[in-house]
Amino acid sequence: MLGFWPALRAQSADEDAPRRVKSEVKPAYPALAKQMHLSGTVKVEVVIAPDGKVKRVRVVGGHPVLAAEAEKAAAMMRFEAAPKETTQVIEFRFEP
């Protein structure tokens, strides 16, 4: 079973507080990772539009086998609305 703990961190020039998640999406644990008994953390940078939708996603760290699923999950997440676009780093921890 996948252990999943997202961590959010603000990553902007003026260090705004991270926006709260309205709709969290848990990444799937890849079959190859299961076969390899792979665990680890994947860091994904997201650019969030003022309406709370994720505009862009970029993997900034983590095992490539886990990264694709983390990227997909991050793209489907929704955040609180805010007056401007923000950038945050989300960390997904995968454990078999």
PDB file of N, CA and C in Angstrom:
ATOM      1  N   MET A   1       0.840  -1.180   0.000  1.00  0.00           N
ATOM      2  CA  MET A   1       0.000   0.000   0.000  1.00  0.00           C
ATOM      3  C   MET A   1       0.878   1.234   0.000  1.00  0.00           C
ATOM      4  N   LEU A   2       0.449   2.251  -0.683  1.00  0.00           N
ATOM      5  CA  LEU A   2       1.207   3.482  -0.823  1.00  0.00           C
ATOM      6  C   LEU A   2       1.012   4.369   0.386  1.00  0.00           C
ATOM      7  N   GLY A   3       2.097   4.789   0.972  1.00  0.00           N
ATOM      8  CA  GLY A   3       2.032   5.822   2.000  1.00  0.00           C
ATOM      9  C   GLY A   3       2.184   7.150   1.298  1.00  0.00           C
ATOM     10  N   PHE A   4       1.344   8.104   1.584  1.00  0.00           N
ATOM     11  CA  PHE A   4       1.347   9.349   0.848  1.00  0.00           C
ATOM     12  C   PHE A   4       1.227  10.520   1.812  1.00  0.00           C
ATOM     13  N   TRP A   5       2.174  11.429   1.746  1.00  0.00           N
ATOM     14  CA  TRP A   5       2.138  12.626   2.581  1.00  0.00           C
ATOM     15  C   TRP A   5       2.562  13.811   1.749  1.00  0.00           C
ATOM     16  N   PRO A   6       1.621  14.659   1.313  1.00  0.00           N
ATOM     17  CA  PRO A   6       2.036  15.837   0.555  1.00  0.00           C
ATOM     18  C   PRO A   6       2.504  16.934   1.506  1.00  0.00           C
ATOM     19  N   ALA A   7       3.507  17.640   1.109  1.00  0.00           N
ATOM     20  CA  ALA A   7       3.979  18.788   1.877  1.00  0.00           C
ATOM     21  C   ALA A   7       4.029  19.978   0.929  1.00  0.00           C
ATOM     22  N   LEU A   8       3.522  21.101   1.362  1.00  0.00           N
ATOM     23  CA  LEU A   8       3.490  22.289   0.515  1.00  0.00           C
ATOM     24  C   LEU A   8       4.421  23.351   1.074  1.00  0.00           C
ATOM     25  N   ARG A   9       5.074  24.069   0.167  1.00  0.00           N
ATOM     26  CA  ARG A   9       5.998  25.106   0.581  1.00  0.00           C
ATOM     27  C   ARG A   9       5.922  26.240  -0.443  1.00  0.00           C
ATOM     28  N   ALA A  10       5.812  27.470   0.031  1.00  0.00           N
ATOM     29  CA  ALA A  10       5.773  28.623  -0.871  1.00  0.00           C
ATOM     30  C   ALA A  10       7.147  28.810  -1.498  1.00  0.00           C
ATOM     31  N   GLN A  11       7.165  29.226  -2.735  1.00  0.00           N
ATOM     32  CA  GLN A  11       8.421  29.401  -3.449  1.00  0.00           C
ATOM     33  C   GLN A  11       8.272  30.605  -4.374  1.00  0.00           C
ATOM     34  N   SER A  12       8.155  31.796  -3.808  1.00  0.00           N
ATOM     35  CA  SER A  12       8.001  32.980  -4.639  1.00  0.00           C
ATOM     36  C   SER A  12       8.954  34.060  -4.158  1.00  0.00           C
ATOM     37  N   ALA A  13       9.096  35.090  -4.958  1.00  0.00           N
ATOM     38  CA  ALA A  13      10.046  36.148  -4.649  1.00  0.00           C
ATOM     39  C   ALA A  13       9.737  36.819  -3.308  1.00  0.00           C
ATOM     40  N   ASP A  14       8.466  37.025  -3.013  1.00  0.00           N
ATOM     41  CA  ASP A  14       8.107  37.696  -1.766  1.00  0.00           C
ATOM     42  C   ASP A  14       7.728  36.707  -0.668  1.00  0.00           C
ATOM     43  N   GLU A  15       7.979  35.402  -0.889  1.00  0.00           N
ATOM     44  CA  GLU A  15       7.732  34.367   0.111  1.00  0.00           C
ATOM     45  C   GLU A  15       6.317  34.403   0.683  1.00  0.00           C
ATOM     46  N   ASP A  16       5.332  34.437  -0.200  1.00  0.00           N
ATOM     47  CA  ASP A  16       3.940  34.352   0.225  1.00  0.00           C
ATOM     48  C   ASP A  16       3.709  33.031   0.948  1.00  0.00           C
ATOM     49  N   ALA A  17       2.713  33.004   1.807  1.00  0.00           N
ATOM     50  CA  ALA A  17       2.348  31.749   2.464  1.00  0.00           C
ATOM     51  C   ALA A  17       1.786  30.801   1.410  1.00  0.00           C
ATOM     52  N   PRO A  18       1.989  29.506   1.582  1.00  0.00           N
ATOM     53  CA  PRO A  18       1.434  28.562   0.603  1.00  0.00           C
ATOM     54  C   PRO A  18      -0.086  28.629   0.575  1.00  0.00           C
ATOM     55  N   ARG A  19      -0.640  28.456  -0.606  1.00  0.00           N
ATOM     56  CA  ARG A  19      -2.093  28.435  -0.746  1.00  0.00           C
ATOM     57  C   ARG A  19      -2.623  27.089  -0.295  1.00  0.00           C
ATOM     58  N   ARG A  20      -3.759  27.113   0.358  1.00  0.00           N
ATOM     59  CA  ARG A  20      -4.359  25.874   0.841  1.00  0.00           C
ATOM     60  C   ARG A  20      -4.922  25.049  -0.310  1.00  0.00           C
ATOM     61  N   VAL A  21      -4.820  23.756  -0.149  1.00  0.00           N
ATOM     62  CA  VAL A  21      -5.327  22.816  -1.148  1.00  0.00           C
ATOM     63  C   VAL A  21      -6.828  22.660  -0.953  1.00  0.00           C
ATOM     64  N   LYS A  22      -7.586  22.842  -2.040  1.00  0.00           N
ATOM     65  CA  LYS A  22      -9.032  22.615  -2.003  1.00  0.00           C
ATOM     66  C   LYS A  22      -9.363  21.210  -2.465  1.00  0.00           C
ATOM     67  N   SER A  23      -8.593  20.708  -3.426  1.00  0.00           N
ATOM     68  CA  SER A  23      -8.826  19.382  -3.980  1.00  0.00           C
ATOM     69  C   SER A  23      -7.481  18.667  -4.108  1.00  0.00           C
ATOM     70  N   GLU A  24      -7.246  17.718  -3.206  1.00  0.00           N
ATOM     71  CA  GLU A  24      -5.991  16.979  -3.186  1.00  0.00           C
ATOM     72  C   GLU A  24      -6.108  15.733  -4.056  1.00  0.00           C
ATOM     73  N   VAL A  25      -5.059  15.447  -4.791  1.00  0.00           N
ATOM     74  CA  VAL A  25      -5.027  14.253  -5.631  1.00  0.00           C
ATOM     75  C   VAL A  25      -3.824  13.428  -5.211  1.00  0.00           C
ATOM     76  N   LYS A  26      -4.063  12.170  -4.901  1.00  0.00           N
ATOM     77  CA  LYS A  26      -2.974  11.279  -4.496  1.00  0.00           C
ATOM     78  C   LYS A  26      -2.427  10.569  -5.729  1.00  0.00           C
ATOM     79  N   PRO A  27      -1.110  10.555  -5.875  1.00  0.00           N
ATOM     80  CA  PRO A  27      -0.528   9.878  -7.038  1.00  0.00           C
ATOM     81  C   PRO A  27      -0.642   8.363  -6.915  1.00  0.00           C
ATOM     82  N   ALA A  28      -0.726   7.717  -8.055  1.00  0.00           N
ATOM     83  CA  ALA A  28      -0.727   6.257  -8.090  1.00  0.00           C
ATOM     84  C   ALA A  28       0.704   5.772  -7.831  1.00  0.00           C
ATOM     85  N   TYR A  29       0.820   4.618  -7.214  1.00  0.00           N
ATOM     86  CA  TYR A  29       2.133   4.020  -6.985  1.00  0.00           C
ATOM     87  C   TYR A  29       2.430   3.148  -8.200  1.00  0.00           C
ATOM     88  N   PRO A  30       3.436   3.506  -9.007  1.00  0.00           N
ATOM     89  CA  PRO A  30       3.712   2.777 -10.248  1.00  0.00           C
ATOM     90  C   PRO A  30       4.061   1.306 -10.006  1.00  0.00           C
ATOM     91  N   ALA A  31       3.600   0.444 -10.911  1.00  0.00           N
ATOM     92  CA  ALA A  31       3.855  -0.990 -10.806  1.00  0.00           C
ATOM     93  C   ALA A  31       5.358  -1.285 -10.797  1.00  0.00           C
ATOM     94  N   LEU A  32       6.118  -0.577 -11.629  1.00  0.00           N
ATOM     95  CA  LEU A  32       7.566  -0.788 -11.674  1.00  0.00           C
ATOM     96  C   LEU A  32       8.198  -0.441 -10.328  1.00  0.00           C
ATOM     97  N   ALA A  33       7.733   0.620  -9.705  1.00  0.00           N
ATOM     98  CA  ALA A  33       8.257   1.000  -8.390  1.00  0.00           C
ATOM     99  C   ALA A  33       7.948  -0.076  -7.361  1.00  0.00           C
ATOM    100  N   LYS A  34       6.770  -0.671  -7.483  1.00  0.00           N
ATOM    101  CA  LYS A  34       6.382  -1.748  -6.564  1.00  0.00           C
ATOM    102  C   LYS A  34       7.316  -2.946  -6.748  1.00  0.00           C
ATOM    103  N   GLN A  35       7.598  -3.296  -7.990  1.00  0.00           N
ATOM    104  CA  GLN A  35       8.495  -4.417  -8.272  1.00  0.00           C
ATOM    105  C   GLN A  35       9.904  -4.160  -7.736  1.00  0.00           C
ATOM    106  N   MET A  36      10.318  -2.906  -7.790  1.00  0.00           N
ATOM    107  CA  MET A  36      11.661  -2.518  -7.361  1.00  0.00           C
ATOM    108  C   MET A  36      11.729  -2.218  -5.854  1.00  0.00           C
ATOM    109  N   HIS A  37      10.565  -2.277  -5.171  1.00  0.00           N
ATOM    110  CA  HIS A  37      10.484  -1.917  -3.749  1.00  0.00           C
ATOM    111  C   HIS A  37      11.040  -0.504  -3.543  1.00  0.00           C
ATOM    112  N   LEU A  38      10.652   0.387  -4.435  1.00  0.00           N
ATOM    113  CA  LEU A  38      11.174   1.746  -4.475  1.00  0.00           C
ATOM    114  C   LEU A  38      10.347   2.668  -3.589  1.00  0.00           C
ATOM    115  N   SER A  39      11.017   3.501  -2.831  1.00  0.00           N
ATOM    116  CA  SER A  39      10.344   4.531  -2.056  1.00  0.00           C
ATOM    117  C   SER A  39      11.144   5.812  -2.206  1.00  0.00           C
ATOM    118  N   GLY A  40      10.536   6.923  -1.854  1.00  0.00           N
ATOM    119  CA  GLY A  40      11.251   8.186  -1.944  1.00  0.00           C
ATOM    120  C   GLY A  40      10.318   9.366  -2.034  1.00  0.00           C
ATOM    121  N   THR A  41      10.925  10.525  -2.165  1.00  0.00           N
ATOM    122  CA  THR A  41      10.191  11.786  -2.240  1.00  0.00           C
ATOM    123  C   THR A  41      10.389  12.390  -3.620  1.00  0.00           C
ATOM    124  N   VAL A  42       9.315  12.925  -4.171  1.00  0.00           N
ATOM    125  CA  VAL A  42       9.376  13.641  -5.437  1.00  0.00           C
ATOM    126  C   VAL A  42       8.923  15.074  -5.173  1.00  0.00           C
ATOM    127  N   LYS A  43       9.736  16.035  -5.596  1.00  0.00           N
ATOM    128  CA  LYS A  43       9.387  17.444  -5.450  1.00  0.00           C
ATOM    129  C   LYS A  43       8.908  17.964  -6.798  1.00  0.00           C
ATOM    130  N   VAL A  44       7.758  18.628  -6.756  1.00  0.00           N
ATOM    131  CA  VAL A  44       7.146  19.152  -7.966  1.00  0.00           C
ATOM    132  C   VAL A  44       6.843  20.630  -7.755  1.00  0.00           C
ATOM    133  N   GLU A  45       7.288  21.466  -8.673  1.00  0.00           N
ATOM    134  CA  GLU A  45       6.982  22.898  -8.612  1.00  0.00           C
ATOM    135  C   GLU A  45       5.733  23.157  -9.444  1.00  0.00           C
ATOM    136  N   VAL A  46       4.750  23.833  -8.852  1.00  0.00           N
ATOM    137  CA  VAL A  46       3.517  24.154  -9.572  1.00  0.00           C
ATOM    138  C   VAL A  46       3.332  25.660  -9.624  1.00  0.00           C
ATOM    139  N   VAL A  47       2.852  26.126 -10.764  1.00  0.00           N
ATOM    140  CA  VAL A  47       2.450  27.519 -10.914  1.00  0.00           C
ATOM    141  C   VAL A  47       0.933  27.514 -10.854  1.00  0.00           C
ATOM    142  N   ILE A  48       0.391  28.267  -9.899  1.00  0.00           N
ATOM    143  CA  ILE A  48      -1.049  28.262  -9.642  1.00  0.00           C
ATOM    144  C   ILE A  48      -1.647  29.588 -10.092  1.00  0.00           C
ATOM    145  N   ALA A  49      -2.674  29.504 -10.923  1.00  0.00           N
ATOM    146  CA  ALA A  49      -3.376  30.686 -11.414  1.00  0.00           C
ATOM    147  C   ALA A  49      -4.175  31.323 -10.274  1.00  0.00           C
ATOM    148  N   PRO A  50      -4.574  32.575 -10.427  1.00  0.00           N
ATOM    149  CA  PRO A  50      -5.374  33.223  -9.385  1.00  0.00           C
ATOM    150  C   PRO A  50      -6.653  32.468  -9.030  1.00  0.00           C
ATOM    151  N   ASP A  51      -7.230  31.742  -9.993  1.00  0.00           N
ATOM    152  CA  ASP A  51      -8.471  31.009  -9.712  1.00  0.00           C
ATOM    153  C   ASP A  51      -8.233  29.679  -8.991  1.00  0.00           C
ATOM    154  N   GLY A  52      -6.971  29.313  -8.747  1.00  0.00           N
ATOM    155  CA  GLY A  52      -6.650  28.103  -8.001  1.00  0.00           C
ATOM    156  C   GLY A  52      -6.302  26.893  -8.844  1.00  0.00           C
ATOM    157  N   LYS A  53      -6.397  27.014 -10.168  1.00  0.00           N
ATOM    158  CA  LYS A  53      -6.044  25.901 -11.047  1.00  0.00           C
ATOM    159  C   LYS A  53      -4.543  25.896 -11.302  1.00  0.00           C
ATOM    160  N   VAL A  54      -3.986  24.704 -11.436  1.00  0.00           N
ATOM    161  CA  VAL A  54      -2.561  24.559 -11.715  1.00  0.00           C
ATOM    162  C   VAL A  54      -2.327  24.848 -13.196  1.00  0.00           C
ATOM    163  N   LYS A  55      -1.443  25.811 -13.466  1.00  0.00           N
ATOM    164  CA  LYS A  55      -1.129  26.191 -14.847  1.00  0.00           C
ATOM    165  C   LYS A  55       0.036  25.386 -15.412  1.00  0.00           C
ATOM    166  N   ARG A  56       1.079  25.204 -14.596  1.00  0.00           N
ATOM    167  CA  ARG A  56       2.274  24.489 -15.055  1.00  0.00           C
ATOM    168  C   ARG A  56       2.811  23.620 -13.929  1.00  0.00           C
ATOM    169  N   VAL A  57       3.433  22.518 -14.323  1.00  0.00           N
ATOM    170  CA  VAL A  57       4.033  21.582 -13.373  1.00  0.00           C
ATOM    171  C   VAL A  57       5.430  21.244 -13.871  1.00  0.00           C
ATOM    172  N   ARG A  58       6.379  21.206 -12.928  1.00  0.00           N
ATOM    173  CA  ARG A  58       7.752  20.849 -13.284  1.00  0.00           C
ATOM    174  C   ARG A  58       8.337  20.028 -12.147  1.00  0.00           C
ATOM    175  N   VAL A  59       8.839  18.849 -12.478  1.00  0.00           N
ATOM    176  CA  VAL A  59       9.493  18.005 -11.472  1.00  0.00           C
ATOM    177  C   VAL A  59      10.854  18.620 -11.183  1.00  0.00           C
ATOM    178  N   VAL A  60      11.140  18.840  -9.896  1.00  0.00           N
ATOM    179  CA  VAL A  60      12.420  19.441  -9.512  1.00  0.00           C
ATOM    180  C   VAL A  60      13.302  18.479  -8.722  1.00  0.00           C
ATOM    181  N   GLY A  61      12.809  17.280  -8.431  1.00  0.00           N
ATOM    182  CA  GLY A  61      13.636  16.304  -7.739  1.00  0.00           C
ATOM    183  C   GLY A  61      12.887  15.024  -7.467  1.00  0.00           C
ATOM    184  N   GLY A  62      13.616  13.936  -7.442  1.00  0.00           N
ATOM    185  CA  GLY A  62      13.019  12.650  -7.133  1.00  0.00           C
ATOM    186  C   GLY A  62      13.329  11.610  -8.185  1.00  0.00           C
ATOM    187  N   HIS A  63      13.016  10.371  -7.859  1.00  0.00           N
ATOM    188  CA  HIS A  63      13.291   9.244  -8.748  1.00  0.00           C
ATOM    189  C   HIS A  63      12.381   9.321  -9.980  1.00  0.00           C
ATOM    190  N   PRO A  64      12.935   9.146 -11.179  1.00  0.00           N
ATOM    191  CA  PRO A  64      12.139   9.229 -12.406  1.00  0.00           C
ATOM    192  C   PRO A  64      10.963   8.248 -12.471  1.00  0.00           C
ATOM    193  N   VAL A  65      11.104   7.079 -11.861  1.00  0.00           N
ATOM    194  CA  VAL A  65      10.009   6.103 -11.882  1.00  0.00           C
ATOM    195  C   VAL A  65       8.794   6.651 -11.117  1.00  0.00           C
ATOM    196  N   LEU A  66       9.030   7.430 -10.085  1.00  0.00           N
ATOM    197  CA  LEU A  66       7.952   8.005  -9.280  1.00  0.00           C
ATOM    198  C   LEU A  66       7.494   9.374  -9.797  1.00  0.00           C
ATOM    199  N   ALA A  67       8.373  10.070 -10.494  1.00  0.00           N
ATOM    200  CA  ALA A  67       8.126  11.457 -10.891  1.00  0.00           C
ATOM    201  C   ALA A  67       6.906  11.641 -11.790  1.00  0.00           C
ATOM    202  N   ALA A  68       6.700  10.760 -12.736  1.00  0.00           N
ATOM    203  CA  ALA A  68       5.585  10.925 -13.673  1.00  0.00           C
ATOM    204  C   ALA A  68       4.236  10.922 -12.952  1.00  0.00           C
ATOM    205  N   GLU A  69       4.069  10.028 -11.989  1.00  0.00           N
ATOM    206  CA  GLU A  69       2.800   9.966 -11.248  1.00  0.00           C
ATOM    207  C   GLU A  69       2.623  11.189 -10.353  1.00  0.00           C
ATOM    208  N   ALA A  70       3.700  11.668  -9.758  1.00  0.00           N
ATOM    209  CA  ALA A  70       3.627  12.870  -8.928  1.00  0.00           C
ATOM    210  C   ALA A  70       3.239  14.080  -9.785  1.00  0.00           C
ATOM    211  N   GLU A  71       3.799  14.157 -10.974  1.00  0.00           N
ATOM    212  CA  GLU A  71       3.503  15.253 -11.894  1.00  0.00           C
ATOM    213  C   GLU A  71       2.027  15.244 -12.305  1.00  0.00           C
ATOM    214  N   LYS A  72       1.499  14.070 -12.618  1.00  0.00           N
ATOM    215  CA  LYS A  72       0.078  13.953 -12.993  1.00  0.00           C
ATOM    216  C   LYS A  72      -0.825  14.381 -11.848  1.00  0.00           C
ATOM    217  N   ALA A  73      -0.514  13.922 -10.645  1.00  0.00           N
ATOM    218  CA  ALA A  73      -1.336  14.254  -9.476  1.00  0.00           C
ATOM    219  C   ALA A  73      -1.309  15.746  -9.206  1.00  0.00           C
ATOM    220  N   ALA A  74      -0.138  16.352  -9.279  1.00  0.00           N
ATOM    221  CA  ALA A  74      -0.010  17.789  -9.016  1.00  0.00           C
ATOM    222  C   ALA A  74      -0.815  18.606 -10.022  1.00  0.00           C
ATOM    223  N   ALA A  75      -0.836  18.182 -11.271  1.00  0.00           N
ATOM    224  CA  ALA A  75      -1.568  18.913 -12.315  1.00  0.00           C
ATOM    225  C   ALA A  75      -3.074  18.925 -12.070  1.00  0.00           C
ATOM    226  N   MET A  76      -3.589  17.915 -11.364  1.00  0.00           N
ATOM    227  CA  MET A  76      -5.030  17.824 -11.123  1.00  0.00           C
ATOM    228  C   MET A  76      -5.468  18.479  -9.813  1.00  0.00           C
ATOM    229  N   MET A  77      -4.521  18.922  -9.003  1.00  0.00           N
ATOM    230  CA  MET A  77      -4.873  19.540  -7.723  1.00  0.00           C
ATOM    231  C   MET A  77      -5.489  20.919  -7.935  1.00  0.00           C
ATOM    232  N   ARG A  78      -6.283  21.356  -6.972  1.00  0.00           N
ATOM    233  CA  ARG A  78      -6.885  22.690  -6.992  1.00  0.00           C
ATOM    234  C   ARG A  78      -6.573  23.371  -5.671  1.00  0.00           C
ATOM    235  N   PHE A  79      -6.326  24.684  -5.744  1.00  0.00           N
ATOM    236  CA  PHE A  79      -5.953  25.472  -4.583  1.00  0.00           C
ATOM    237  C   PHE A  79      -6.948  26.607  -4.367  1.00  0.00           C
ATOM    238  N   GLU A  80      -6.831  27.261  -3.208  1.00  0.00           N
ATOM    239  CA  GLU A  80      -7.663  28.429  -2.923  1.00  0.00           C
ATOM    240  C   GLU A  80      -7.391  29.507  -3.961  1.00  0.00           C
ATOM    241  N   ALA A  81      -8.382  30.336  -4.198  1.00  0.00           N
ATOM    242  CA  ALA A  81      -8.204  31.485  -5.083  1.00  0.00           C
ATOM    243  C   ALA A  81      -7.317  32.508  -4.364  1.00  0.00           C
ATOM    244  N   ALA A  82      -6.609  33.310  -5.146  1.00  0.00           N
ATOM    245  CA  ALA A  82      -5.734  34.348  -4.603  1.00  0.00           C
ATOM    246  C   ALA A  82      -5.702  35.508  -5.589  1.00  0.00           C
ATOM    247  N   PRO A  83      -5.259  36.679  -5.148  1.00  0.00           N
ATOM    248  CA  PRO A  83      -5.248  37.838  -6.046  1.00  0.00           C
ATOM    249  C   PRO A  83      -4.234  37.745  -7.188  1.00  0.00           C
ATOM    250  N   LYS A  84      -3.232  36.851  -7.055  1.00  0.00           N
ATOM    251  CA  LYS A  84      -2.216  36.754  -8.112  1.00  0.00           C
ATOM    252  C   LYS A  84      -1.739  35.318  -8.274  1.00  0.00           C
ATOM    253  N   GLU A  85      -1.019  35.093  -9.347  1.00  0.00           N
ATOM    254  CA  GLU A  85      -0.413  33.787  -9.623  1.00  0.00           C
ATOM    255  C   GLU A  85       0.686  33.527  -8.593  1.00  0.00           C
ATOM    256  N   THR A  86       0.792  32.285  -8.144  1.00  0.00           N
ATOM    257  CA  THR A  86       1.837  31.931  -7.182  1.00  0.00           C
ATOM    258  C   THR A  86       2.533  30.645  -7.619  1.00  0.00           C
ATOM    259  N   THR A  87       3.693  30.423  -7.046  1.00  0.00           N
ATOM    260  CA  THR A  87       4.468  29.224  -7.315  1.00  0.00           C
ATOM    261  C   THR A  87       4.733  28.526  -5.991  1.00  0.00           C
ATOM    262  N   GLN A  88       4.542  27.218  -5.959  1.00  0.00           N
ATOM    263  CA  GLN A  88       4.775  26.433  -4.758  1.00  0.00           C
ATOM    264  C   GLN A  88       5.460  25.135  -5.126  1.00  0.00           C
ATOM    265  N   VAL A  89       6.112  24.558  -4.148  1.00  0.00           N
ATOM    266  CA  VAL A  89       6.720  23.245  -4.316  1.00  0.00           C
ATOM    267  C   VAL A  89       5.905  22.262  -3.488  1.00  0.00           C
ATOM    268  N   ILE A  90       5.517  21.170  -4.121  1.00  0.00           N
ATOM    269  CA  ILE A  90       4.764  20.115  -3.452  1.00  0.00           C
ATOM    270  C   ILE A  90       5.686  18.899  -3.366  1.00  0.00           C
ATOM    271  N   GLU A  91       5.738  18.279  -2.217  1.00  0.00           N
ATOM    272  CA  GLU A  91       6.531  17.067  -2.051  1.00  0.00           C
ATOM    273  C   GLU A  91       5.596  15.879  -1.856  1.00  0.00           C
ATOM    274  N   PHE A  92       5.773  14.860  -2.674  1.00  0.00           N
ATOM    275  CA  PHE A  92       5.016  13.628  -2.566  1.00  0.00           C
ATOM    276  C   PHE A  92       5.972  12.549  -2.074  1.00  0.00           C
ATOM    277  N   ARG A  93       5.613  11.867  -0.995  1.00  0.00           N
ATOM    278  CA  ARG A  93       6.434  10.758  -0.486  1.00  0.00           C
ATOM    279  C   ARG A  93       5.762   9.447  -0.847  1.00  0.00           C
ATOM    280  N   PHE A  94       6.529   8.587  -1.474  1.00  0.00           N
ATOM    281  CA  PHE A  94       6.047   7.272  -1.885  1.00  0.00           C
ATOM    282  C   PHE A  94       6.735   6.215  -1.022  1.00  0.00           C
ATOM    283  N   GLU A  95       5.940   5.318  -0.450  1.00  0.00           N
ATOM    284  CA  GLU A  95       6.495   4.195   0.295  1.00  0.00           C
ATOM    285  C   GLU A  95       5.658   2.958  -0.019  1.00  0.00           C
ATOM    286  N   PRO A  96       6.321   1.835  -0.321  1.00  0.00           N
ATOM    287  CA  PRO A  96       5.567   0.617  -0.639  1.00  0.00           C
ATOM    288  C   PRO A  96       4.885   0.040   0.600  1.00  0.00           C
TER     289      PRO A  96
END
